[in-house]
Amino acid sequence: LRLHLSSIYTAVHIVSYTPDFCEEMSTQLSVVTEMPDYVWSTGEQTTHITVTQPGVYSVTAYQGDCLSSSSFLIESCPFQIYLPNAISPLPADGLNDYFCIPEFYLRTINQFEISIFNRWGDQVFYSTDKQFKWDGEVKGKIYHNNVYSYVIRYTSNVGTPYMITGTVTVL
């Protein structure tokens, strides 16, 4: 990708190579200009930067006393966590052994709390660790073919609070 302007004023543009930032929570931004030097709002002085957080990113290109700037907005993504509705802890075969937050979402979660309840409303598991792993154990034993309810409260990295409720079946 090359932009050629044949005027005294040379423009600077930012191009994103990812159509949807929210799919991968990452994109590469590149500066397009004929000016030889540039600096990003992140302090980097490369032709491209990798972005993993929403926000406004800008670049200033310069050649001698001539400056030109451009900004690019990475909007916040709708924040949803998709969780399994069943686990099969035994035999421990590495497939669906734990109820946990998929690793993909961990970097976007700040504060975190989970409570898991049995069918009578008794709390059987609690954690504030977003990397928790629950194998269905209640008081030292795994009760198969039981449905548990959960409540998850968390905030995203931008401070927005969320709450998820649902059920998970221990097979």
Protein backbone atom coordinates (compact mmCIF):
# COMPACT_ATOMS: atom_id res chain seq x y z
CA LEU A 1 0.00 0.00 0.00
CA ARG A 2 1.58 3.29 -1.11
CA LEU A 3 0.10 6.76 -1.25
CA HIS A 4 1.69 9.27 -3.61
CA LEU A 5 0.90 12.94 -3.34
CA SER A 6 2.70 15.33 -5.61
CA SER A 7 2.02 18.57 -3.75
CA ILE A 8 4.09 20.63 -1.33
CA TYR A 9 1.87 19.45 1.56
CA THR A 10 2.26 15.73 2.18
CA ALA A 11 -0.58 14.06 4.07
CA VAL A 12 -0.26 11.29 6.61
CA HIS A 13 -2.82 8.52 7.03
CA ILE A 14 -3.23 5.55 9.35
CA VAL A 15 -4.38 2.21 7.99
CA SER A 16 -5.65 -0.74 10.04
CA TYR A 17 -5.03 -4.18 8.58
CA THR A 18 -7.68 -5.91 10.68
CA PRO A 19 -11.28 -5.50 9.51
CA ASP A 20 -12.71 -6.17 12.99
CA PHE A 21 -10.55 -5.37 16.03
CA CYS A 22 -13.07 -7.13 18.30
CA GLU A 23 -12.53 -10.55 16.71
CA GLU A 24 -8.89 -10.85 17.76
CA MET A 25 -8.62 -7.93 20.23
CA SER A 26 -5.60 -6.84 18.23
CA THR A 27 -4.77 -4.96 15.05
CA GLN A 28 -1.78 -3.53 13.28
CA LEU A 29 -1.86 0.18 12.47
CA SER A 30 0.45 1.46 9.75
CA VAL A 31 1.46 4.98 8.81
CA VAL A 32 1.12 5.92 5.15
CA THR A 33 3.13 8.98 4.20
CA GLU A 34 6.03 10.09 2.05
CA MET A 35 7.63 11.86 5.01
CA PRO A 36 10.67 9.95 6.23
CA ASP A 37 10.22 10.30 10.00
CA TYR A 38 7.26 9.69 12.32
CA VAL A 39 6.40 9.16 15.94
CA TRP A 40 3.28 7.42 17.30
CA SER A 41 1.39 8.51 20.39
CA THR A 42 2.82 5.35 21.97
CA GLY A 43 6.34 6.71 21.47
CA GLU A 44 7.22 4.15 18.80
CA GLN A 45 8.97 5.37 15.66
CA THR A 46 8.28 2.38 13.41
CA THR A 47 6.10 2.22 10.30
CA HIS A 48 3.52 0.16 12.16
CA ILE A 49 2.38 -0.61 15.70
CA THR A 50 0.38 -3.46 17.17
CA VAL A 51 -2.62 -2.30 19.18
CA THR A 52 -4.33 -4.48 21.83
CA GLN A 53 -6.48 -1.89 23.62
CA PRO A 54 -9.27 0.42 22.43
CA GLY A 55 -8.42 4.11 22.28
CA VAL A 56 -7.22 6.90 20.04
CA TYR A 57 -3.85 6.36 18.39
CA SER A 58 -2.10 9.15 16.55
CA VAL A 59 1.02 9.55 14.50
CA THR A 60 2.94 12.68 13.59
CA ALA A 61 5.04 12.54 10.46
CA TYR A 62 7.73 15.11 9.84
CA GLN A 63 10.43 16.14 7.45
CA GLY A 64 12.50 19.07 8.61
CA ASP A 65 10.06 21.75 9.83
CA CYS A 66 7.07 20.22 8.00
CA LEU A 67 4.68 18.28 10.26
CA SER A 68 1.48 16.37 9.58
CA SER A 69 -0.62 14.30 12.00
CA SER A 70 -3.40 11.78 11.85
CA SER A 71 -5.46 9.88 14.44
CA PHE A 72 -7.22 6.53 14.40
CA LEU A 73 -9.97 5.45 16.82
CA ILE A 74 -10.18 1.84 18.01
CA GLU A 75 -13.64 1.64 19.54
CA SER A 76 -14.44 -0.42 22.62
CA CYS A 77 -15.89 -3.80 21.79
CA PRO A 78 -19.18 -5.09 23.11
CA PHE A 79 -17.95 -7.21 25.96
CA GLN A 80 -19.38 -10.68 26.30
CA ILE A 81 -17.87 -13.85 27.68
CA TYR A 82 -19.03 -17.15 26.28
CA LEU A 83 -18.80 -19.98 28.80
CA PRO A 84 -19.40 -23.71 28.53
CA ASN A 85 -22.69 -25.03 29.88
CA ALA A 86 -21.27 -28.46 30.78
CA ILE A 87 -18.02 -30.00 32.00
CA SER A 88 -16.88 -33.63 32.23
CA PRO A 89 -14.17 -33.72 34.90
CA LEU A 90 -13.79 -37.49 35.10
CA PRO A 91 -11.97 -39.10 33.52
CA ALA A 92 -9.51 -36.20 33.39
CA ASP A 93 -8.78 -36.42 29.67
CA GLY A 94 -8.02 -32.74 29.03
CA LEU A 95 -11.37 -32.14 27.33
CA ASN A 96 -13.91 -30.02 29.21
CA ASP A 97 -12.39 -30.98 32.58
CA TYR A 98 -12.93 -27.53 34.12
CA PHE A 99 -15.40 -24.70 34.23
CA CYS A 100 -13.24 -21.61 33.65
CA ILE A 101 -12.92 -18.40 31.71
CA PRO A 102 -11.45 -19.13 28.27
CA GLU A 103 -7.92 -17.75 28.03
CA PHE A 104 -8.88 -15.46 25.15
CA TYR A 105 -11.00 -13.30 27.51
CA LEU A 106 -8.56 -13.12 30.44
CA ARG A 107 -6.63 -10.11 29.14
CA THR A 108 -9.80 -8.03 28.85
CA ILE A 109 -10.99 -8.63 32.44
CA ASN A 110 -9.87 -6.48 35.34
CA GLN A 111 -11.72 -7.16 38.62
CA PHE A 112 -13.42 -10.54 38.89
CA GLU A 113 -15.63 -12.58 41.21
CA ILE A 114 -17.50 -15.87 40.72
CA SER A 115 -19.96 -17.71 42.96
CA ILE A 116 -21.30 -21.17 42.09
CA PHE A 117 -24.42 -22.53 43.81
CA ASN A 118 -26.08 -25.93 44.08
CA ARG A 119 -29.79 -26.44 43.38
CA TRP A 120 -30.68 -25.46 46.96
CA GLY A 121 -28.88 -22.13 46.68
CA ASP A 122 -25.88 -23.10 48.81
CA GLN A 123 -22.62 -21.56 47.65
CA VAL A 124 -20.28 -24.43 46.70
CA PHE A 125 -17.47 -22.44 45.09
CA TYR A 126 -16.17 -18.86 45.25
CA SER A 127 -13.16 -17.14 43.73
CA THR A 128 -11.82 -13.70 42.88
CA ASP A 129 -9.15 -15.17 40.60
CA LYS A 130 -10.11 -14.73 36.95
CA GLN A 131 -7.92 -17.76 36.17
CA PHE A 132 -9.98 -20.05 38.43
CA LYS A 133 -10.66 -23.63 37.37
CA TRP A 134 -13.58 -25.48 38.92
CA ASP A 135 -13.77 -29.21 38.33
CA GLY A 136 -17.22 -29.66 39.88
CA GLU A 137 -15.84 -30.64 43.27
CA VAL A 138 -18.11 -29.92 46.24
CA LYS A 139 -16.83 -30.78 49.73
CA GLY A 140 -14.16 -33.08 48.31
CA LYS A 141 -16.43 -35.00 45.94
CA ILE A 142 -17.61 -34.60 42.36
CA TYR A 143 -21.37 -35.07 41.99
CA HIS A 144 -22.07 -36.12 38.42
CA ASN A 145 -25.23 -35.22 36.52
CA ASN A 146 -25.87 -32.13 38.62
CA VAL A 147 -26.67 -28.62 37.46
CA TYR A 148 -25.08 -25.65 39.23
CA SER A 149 -25.91 -21.96 38.91
CA TYR A 150 -23.25 -19.29 38.77
CA VAL A 151 -22.99 -15.53 39.11
CA ILE A 152 -19.96 -13.77 37.70
CA ARG A 153 -19.27 -10.10 38.37
CA TYR A 154 -16.38 -8.43 36.60
CA THR A 155 -15.14 -5.19 35.15
CA SER A 156 -13.53 -4.79 31.77
CA ASN A 157 -10.15 -3.17 31.36
CA VAL A 158 -11.91 0.11 30.60
CA GLY A 159 -13.81 -0.08 33.91
CA THR A 160 -17.27 -1.10 32.70
CA PRO A 161 -19.01 -3.42 35.19
CA TYR A 162 -20.74 -6.60 33.99
CA MET A 163 -22.65 -9.50 35.52
CA ILE A 164 -23.24 -12.92 33.96
CA THR A 165 -25.57 -15.57 35.32
CA GLY A 166 -25.99 -19.08 34.00
CA THR A 167 -25.82 -22.77 34.68
CA VAL A 168 -23.19 -25.44 34.22
CA THR A 169 -23.85 -29.17 34.26
CA VAL A 170 -21.26 -31.54 35.72
CA LEU A 171 -21.45 -34.71 33.63
